[in-house]
Amino acid sequence: MKDFYFLPSHEWYNKKEATVGISDYAQKELGDIVFVELPEVGDKVEKGKPFANVESVKAVSEIFSPVNGEVVEINEEILDNPALINDDAFAMWMIKVADVSGEEGLLNSDEYENTIK
């Protein structure tokens, strides 16, 4: 998990892969995920601003971007089967970003783990 960085709101950014998703803690809190709404390729994301919605059996939640950048790929697999996020939240990225900035201030994995204890 050394390449993962987090927002306190439970979104992660994998610096090595330039991918963004939600943490295992977040998916457990949400419960069974039934729908995911993602941005389109070419859209800009802004650190701390919502870029997606996730609907679970409990609620609809906004997902916030941990970095600034441009969406270069979306994970079509989770659009077809959102429950995959519940199976492995760290493998099921939502978007890939390019032209990344704003990484400063993110929590490393140890810092994040301390916030959810």
N, C-alpha and C. Protein backbone atom coordinates (compact mmCIF):
# COMPACT_ATOMS: atom_id res chain seq x y z
N MET A 1 0.82 -1.20 0.00
CA MET A 1 0.00 0.00 0.00
C MET A 1 0.87 1.27 0.00
N LYS A 2 2.15 1.13 -0.25
CA LYS A 2 3.04 2.29 -0.21
C LYS A 2 2.73 3.31 -1.30
N ASP A 3 2.07 2.90 -2.37
CA ASP A 3 1.75 3.83 -3.45
C ASP A 3 0.37 4.48 -3.28
N PHE A 4 -0.36 4.13 -2.20
CA PHE A 4 -1.70 4.64 -1.97
C PHE A 4 -1.67 5.83 -1.03
N TYR A 5 -2.41 6.87 -1.40
CA TYR A 5 -2.56 8.07 -0.59
C TYR A 5 -4.05 8.37 -0.47
N PHE A 6 -4.46 9.00 0.63
CA PHE A 6 -5.87 9.08 0.96
C PHE A 6 -6.33 10.48 1.34
N LEU A 7 -7.61 10.71 1.08
CA LEU A 7 -8.32 11.83 1.68
C LEU A 7 -8.95 11.33 2.97
N PRO A 8 -9.18 12.19 3.94
CA PRO A 8 -9.88 11.75 5.16
C PRO A 8 -11.29 11.23 4.88
N SER A 9 -11.85 11.60 3.72
CA SER A 9 -13.20 11.14 3.35
C SER A 9 -13.20 9.76 2.70
N HIS A 10 -12.05 9.06 2.73
CA HIS A 10 -11.91 7.64 2.37
C HIS A 10 -11.73 7.35 0.88
N GLU A 11 -11.35 8.34 0.10
CA GLU A 11 -10.97 8.09 -1.28
C GLU A 11 -9.47 7.89 -1.34
N TRP A 12 -9.03 7.04 -2.28
CA TRP A 12 -7.59 6.80 -2.42
C TRP A 12 -7.10 7.20 -3.81
N TYR A 13 -5.80 7.46 -3.84
CA TYR A 13 -5.08 7.74 -5.09
C TYR A 13 -3.86 6.84 -5.10
N ASN A 14 -3.74 6.03 -6.15
CA ASN A 14 -2.56 5.18 -6.32
C ASN A 14 -1.59 5.92 -7.23
N LYS A 15 -0.54 6.42 -6.62
CA LYS A 15 0.42 7.27 -7.35
C LYS A 15 1.08 6.51 -8.50
N LYS A 16 1.40 5.24 -8.30
CA LYS A 16 2.09 4.45 -9.32
C LYS A 16 1.21 4.24 -10.57
N GLU A 17 -0.07 3.97 -10.34
CA GLU A 17 -1.00 3.66 -11.44
C GLU A 17 -1.82 4.87 -11.89
N ALA A 18 -1.80 5.96 -11.11
CA ALA A 18 -2.61 7.16 -11.36
C ALA A 18 -4.10 6.82 -11.39
N THR A 19 -4.51 5.97 -10.43
CA THR A 19 -5.91 5.58 -10.33
C THR A 19 -6.51 6.11 -9.03
N VAL A 20 -7.85 6.22 -9.03
CA VAL A 20 -8.59 6.74 -7.90
C VAL A 20 -9.74 5.79 -7.59
N GLY A 21 -10.01 5.60 -6.30
CA GLY A 21 -11.13 4.77 -5.88
C GLY A 21 -11.51 5.06 -4.45
N ILE A 22 -12.31 4.18 -3.86
CA ILE A 22 -12.68 4.34 -2.45
C ILE A 22 -12.04 3.23 -1.63
N SER A 23 -11.86 3.51 -0.36
CA SER A 23 -11.17 2.57 0.52
C SER A 23 -12.07 1.40 0.91
N ASP A 24 -11.44 0.39 1.44
CA ASP A 24 -12.17 -0.76 1.96
C ASP A 24 -13.09 -0.33 3.11
N TYR A 25 -12.61 0.57 3.93
CA TYR A 25 -13.42 1.09 5.03
C TYR A 25 -14.70 1.74 4.46
N ALA A 26 -14.55 2.55 3.42
CA ALA A 26 -15.71 3.23 2.82
C ALA A 26 -16.72 2.24 2.26
N GLN A 27 -16.24 1.22 1.55
CA GLN A 27 -17.19 0.28 0.96
C GLN A 27 -17.92 -0.50 2.05
N LYS A 28 -17.24 -0.80 3.16
CA LYS A 28 -17.91 -1.49 4.26
C LYS A 28 -18.97 -0.61 4.89
N GLU A 29 -18.67 0.66 5.05
CA GLU A 29 -19.64 1.60 5.62
C GLU A 29 -20.84 1.80 4.71
N LEU A 30 -20.60 1.79 3.39
CA LEU A 30 -21.69 1.96 2.44
C LEU A 30 -22.61 0.74 2.38
N GLY A 31 -22.06 -0.43 2.54
CA GLY A 31 -22.84 -1.65 2.35
C GLY A 31 -22.81 -2.06 0.89
N ASP A 32 -23.77 -2.86 0.50
CA ASP A 32 -23.81 -3.39 -0.86
C ASP A 32 -23.98 -2.27 -1.89
N ILE A 33 -22.99 -2.11 -2.75
CA ILE A 33 -23.01 -1.08 -3.78
C ILE A 33 -23.79 -1.60 -4.98
N VAL A 34 -24.78 -0.80 -5.41
CA VAL A 34 -25.67 -1.25 -6.49
C VAL A 34 -25.58 -0.39 -7.75
N PHE A 35 -24.97 0.80 -7.66
CA PHE A 35 -24.88 1.68 -8.83
C PHE A 35 -23.70 2.62 -8.66
N VAL A 36 -23.00 2.88 -9.77
CA VAL A 36 -21.88 3.82 -9.78
C VAL A 36 -22.05 4.75 -10.96
N GLU A 37 -21.91 6.04 -10.70
CA GLU A 37 -21.95 7.05 -11.75
C GLU A 37 -20.56 7.69 -11.82
N LEU A 38 -19.91 7.59 -12.96
CA LEU A 38 -18.55 8.10 -13.14
C LEU A 38 -18.53 9.25 -14.14
N PRO A 39 -17.48 10.07 -14.10
CA PRO A 39 -17.33 11.13 -15.11
C PRO A 39 -16.99 10.53 -16.46
N GLU A 40 -16.88 11.37 -17.45
CA GLU A 40 -16.50 10.91 -18.79
C GLU A 40 -15.02 11.16 -19.03
N VAL A 41 -14.46 10.37 -19.92
CA VAL A 41 -13.07 10.59 -20.32
C VAL A 41 -12.97 12.01 -20.87
N GLY A 42 -11.94 12.71 -20.44
CA GLY A 42 -11.73 14.09 -20.84
C GLY A 42 -12.20 15.09 -19.80
N ASP A 43 -13.04 14.65 -18.86
CA ASP A 43 -13.48 15.54 -17.79
C ASP A 43 -12.31 15.87 -16.87
N LYS A 44 -12.35 17.03 -16.29
CA LYS A 44 -11.35 17.44 -15.30
C LYS A 44 -11.89 17.10 -13.91
N VAL A 45 -10.98 16.66 -13.03
CA VAL A 45 -11.33 16.46 -11.62
C VAL A 45 -10.51 17.42 -10.79
N GLU A 46 -11.09 17.84 -9.68
CA GLU A 46 -10.44 18.81 -8.82
C GLU A 46 -10.38 18.26 -7.40
N LYS A 47 -9.21 18.37 -6.81
CA LYS A 47 -8.99 17.85 -5.47
C LYS A 47 -10.05 18.38 -4.50
N GLY A 48 -10.67 17.44 -3.77
CA GLY A 48 -11.67 17.81 -2.78
C GLY A 48 -13.06 18.05 -3.32
N LYS A 49 -13.22 17.94 -4.64
CA LYS A 49 -14.53 18.16 -5.27
C LYS A 49 -15.11 16.81 -5.72
N PRO A 50 -16.44 16.66 -5.71
CA PRO A 50 -17.04 15.39 -6.13
C PRO A 50 -16.83 15.13 -7.62
N PHE A 51 -16.57 13.86 -7.95
CA PHE A 51 -16.43 13.47 -9.36
C PHE A 51 -17.31 12.28 -9.71
N ALA A 52 -17.88 11.63 -8.71
CA ALA A 52 -18.68 10.43 -8.95
C ALA A 52 -19.71 10.29 -7.84
N ASN A 53 -20.68 9.40 -8.10
CA ASN A 53 -21.67 9.02 -7.09
C ASN A 53 -21.69 7.51 -6.99
N VAL A 54 -21.84 7.04 -5.76
CA VAL A 54 -21.97 5.61 -5.51
C VAL A 54 -23.27 5.42 -4.74
N GLU A 55 -24.10 4.52 -5.26
CA GLU A 55 -25.36 4.22 -4.59
C GLU A 55 -25.26 2.83 -3.97
N SER A 56 -25.60 2.77 -2.70
CA SER A 56 -25.63 1.49 -2.00
C SER A 56 -27.04 1.25 -1.51
N VAL A 57 -27.24 0.14 -0.85
CA VAL A 57 -28.56 -0.15 -0.30
C VAL A 57 -28.90 0.83 0.82
N LYS A 58 -27.89 1.52 1.35
CA LYS A 58 -28.10 2.47 2.45
C LYS A 58 -28.31 3.91 1.98
N ALA A 59 -27.55 4.35 0.97
CA ALA A 59 -27.56 5.76 0.60
C ALA A 59 -26.85 6.00 -0.72
N VAL A 60 -26.96 7.23 -1.21
CA VAL A 60 -26.15 7.69 -2.34
C VAL A 60 -25.07 8.58 -1.76
N SER A 61 -23.82 8.33 -2.15
CA SER A 61 -22.69 9.09 -1.61
C SER A 61 -21.88 9.71 -2.73
N GLU A 62 -21.47 10.96 -2.53
CA GLU A 62 -20.55 11.60 -3.46
C GLU A 62 -19.15 11.09 -3.18
N ILE A 63 -18.38 10.94 -4.26
CA ILE A 63 -16.99 10.52 -4.16
C ILE A 63 -16.13 11.71 -4.57
N PHE A 64 -15.15 12.05 -3.73
CA PHE A 64 -14.34 13.24 -3.93
C PHE A 64 -12.98 12.87 -4.50
N SER A 65 -12.48 13.73 -5.35
CA SER A 65 -11.18 13.47 -5.97
C SER A 65 -10.05 13.84 -5.01
N PRO A 66 -9.09 12.93 -4.85
CA PRO A 66 -7.93 13.24 -4.01
C PRO A 66 -6.87 14.08 -4.72
N VAL A 67 -7.01 14.26 -6.03
CA VAL A 67 -6.03 15.02 -6.81
C VAL A 67 -6.73 15.83 -7.90
N ASN A 68 -5.99 16.75 -8.50
CA ASN A 68 -6.42 17.45 -9.70
C ASN A 68 -5.93 16.65 -10.90
N GLY A 69 -6.68 16.67 -11.98
CA GLY A 69 -6.21 16.01 -13.19
C GLY A 69 -7.31 15.87 -14.22
N GLU A 70 -6.97 15.14 -15.27
CA GLU A 70 -7.91 14.87 -16.35
C GLU A 70 -8.19 13.38 -16.40
N VAL A 71 -9.47 13.03 -16.51
CA VAL A 71 -9.86 11.63 -16.59
C VAL A 71 -9.44 11.08 -17.95
N VAL A 72 -8.60 10.04 -17.94
CA VAL A 72 -8.15 9.44 -19.20
C VAL A 72 -8.74 8.04 -19.40
N GLU A 73 -9.33 7.48 -18.35
CA GLU A 73 -9.98 6.17 -18.47
C GLU A 73 -10.93 6.00 -17.29
N ILE A 74 -12.06 5.35 -17.56
CA ILE A 74 -12.97 4.97 -16.49
C ILE A 74 -13.03 3.45 -16.43
N ASN A 75 -13.34 2.93 -15.27
CA ASN A 75 -13.41 1.49 -15.09
C ASN A 75 -14.80 1.00 -15.48
N GLU A 76 -14.94 0.59 -16.73
CA GLU A 76 -16.22 0.10 -17.26
C GLU A 76 -16.72 -1.12 -16.49
N GLU A 77 -15.79 -1.89 -15.95
CA GLU A 77 -16.14 -3.12 -15.24
C GLU A 77 -17.05 -2.83 -14.04
N ILE A 78 -16.78 -1.74 -13.31
CA ILE A 78 -17.63 -1.44 -12.15
C ILE A 78 -18.95 -0.79 -12.55
N LEU A 79 -19.01 -0.22 -13.75
CA LEU A 79 -20.30 0.29 -14.23
C LEU A 79 -21.25 -0.87 -14.47
N ASP A 80 -20.71 -1.96 -15.02
CA ASP A 80 -21.51 -3.15 -15.29
C ASP A 80 -21.79 -3.98 -14.05
N ASN A 81 -20.86 -3.94 -13.08
CA ASN A 81 -21.00 -4.76 -11.87
C ASN A 81 -20.44 -3.98 -10.67
N PRO A 82 -21.22 -3.02 -10.14
CA PRO A 82 -20.74 -2.19 -9.03
C PRO A 82 -20.34 -2.96 -7.79
N ALA A 83 -20.91 -4.13 -7.59
CA ALA A 83 -20.61 -4.94 -6.40
C ALA A 83 -19.14 -5.37 -6.35
N LEU A 84 -18.44 -5.28 -7.47
CA LEU A 84 -17.01 -5.60 -7.46
C LEU A 84 -16.22 -4.73 -6.49
N ILE A 85 -16.71 -3.51 -6.26
CA ILE A 85 -16.05 -2.63 -5.29
C ILE A 85 -16.12 -3.25 -3.90
N ASN A 86 -17.24 -3.88 -3.57
CA ASN A 86 -17.37 -4.54 -2.28
C ASN A 86 -16.42 -5.73 -2.16
N ASP A 87 -16.11 -6.37 -3.28
CA ASP A 87 -15.22 -7.53 -3.26
C ASP A 87 -13.77 -7.14 -3.01
N ASP A 88 -13.31 -6.04 -3.63
CA ASP A 88 -11.92 -5.61 -3.47
C ASP A 88 -11.81 -4.12 -3.82
N ALA A 89 -12.04 -3.27 -2.84
CA ALA A 89 -12.10 -1.83 -3.07
C ALA A 89 -10.78 -1.26 -3.59
N PHE A 90 -9.65 -1.86 -3.21
CA PHE A 90 -8.36 -1.31 -3.64
C PHE A 90 -7.98 -1.77 -5.05
N ALA A 91 -8.56 -2.83 -5.54
CA ALA A 91 -8.30 -3.27 -6.91
C ALA A 91 -9.27 -2.62 -7.89
N MET A 92 -10.44 -2.25 -7.41
CA MET A 92 -11.49 -1.70 -8.28
C MET A 92 -11.43 -0.18 -8.33
N TRP A 93 -10.46 0.31 -9.07
CA TRP A 93 -10.33 1.75 -9.28
C TRP A 93 -11.53 2.28 -10.06
N MET A 94 -11.79 3.55 -9.92
CA MET A 94 -12.91 4.18 -10.62
C MET A 94 -12.45 4.93 -11.87
N ILE A 95 -11.39 5.72 -11.70
CA ILE A 95 -10.88 6.51 -12.82
C ILE A 95 -9.35 6.48 -12.83
N LYS A 96 -8.80 6.67 -14.02
CA LYS A 96 -7.37 6.94 -14.17
C LYS A 96 -7.24 8.39 -14.58
N VAL A 97 -6.22 9.05 -14.02
CA VAL A 97 -6.04 10.47 -14.28
C VAL A 97 -4.66 10.77 -14.85
N ALA A 98 -4.60 11.84 -15.61
CA ALA A 98 -3.32 12.33 -16.16
C ALA A 98 -3.18 13.79 -15.77
N ASP A 99 -1.99 14.33 -16.00
CA ASP A 99 -1.70 15.72 -15.64
C ASP A 99 -2.04 15.98 -14.17
N VAL A 100 -1.58 15.07 -13.31
CA VAL A 100 -1.93 15.09 -11.89
C VAL A 100 -1.19 16.20 -11.15
N SER A 101 -1.92 16.87 -10.28
CA SER A 101 -1.33 17.82 -9.34
C SER A 101 -2.15 17.77 -8.05
N GLY A 102 -1.65 18.43 -7.03
CA GLY A 102 -2.38 18.49 -5.78
C GLY A 102 -2.18 17.30 -4.86
N GLU A 103 -1.09 16.55 -5.05
CA GLU A 103 -0.85 15.38 -4.22
C GLU A 103 -0.46 15.74 -2.79
N GLU A 104 0.05 16.96 -2.60
CA GLU A 104 0.47 17.35 -1.26
C GLU A 104 -0.74 17.38 -0.32
N GLY A 105 -0.48 17.01 0.91
CA GLY A 105 -1.53 17.02 1.92
C GLY A 105 -2.33 15.74 2.03
N LEU A 106 -2.11 14.80 1.11
CA LEU A 106 -2.81 13.52 1.21
C LEU A 106 -2.19 12.69 2.33
N LEU A 107 -2.99 11.82 2.92
CA LEU A 107 -2.51 10.94 3.98
C LEU A 107 -1.82 9.72 3.38
N ASN A 108 -0.68 9.32 3.95
CA ASN A 108 -0.10 8.04 3.51
C ASN A 108 -0.90 6.92 4.18
N SER A 109 -0.61 5.69 3.83
CA SER A 109 -1.43 4.57 4.32
C SER A 109 -1.41 4.45 5.85
N ASP A 110 -0.26 4.70 6.48
CA ASP A 110 -0.19 4.63 7.95
C ASP A 110 -1.04 5.74 8.59
N GLU A 111 -0.93 6.95 8.05
CA GLU A 111 -1.73 8.06 8.58
C GLU A 111 -3.22 7.78 8.42
N TYR A 112 -3.59 7.25 7.26
CA TYR A 112 -5.00 6.94 7.01
C TYR A 112 -5.50 5.87 7.97
N GLU A 113 -4.73 4.81 8.14
CA GLU A 113 -5.12 3.73 9.06
C GLU A 113 -5.36 4.27 10.46
N ASN A 114 -4.56 5.23 10.88
CA ASN A 114 -4.75 5.84 12.21
C ASN A 114 -6.05 6.60 12.31
N THR A 115 -6.53 7.17 11.20
CA THR A 115 -7.79 7.94 11.24
C THR A 115 -9.01 7.04 11.32
N ILE A 116 -8.91 5.80 10.88
CA ILE A 116 -10.10 4.93 10.89
C ILE A 116 -10.14 3.97 12.08
N LYS A 117 -9.13 4.06 12.95
CA LYS A 117 -9.11 3.18 14.13
C LYS A 117 -10.12 3.64 15.15
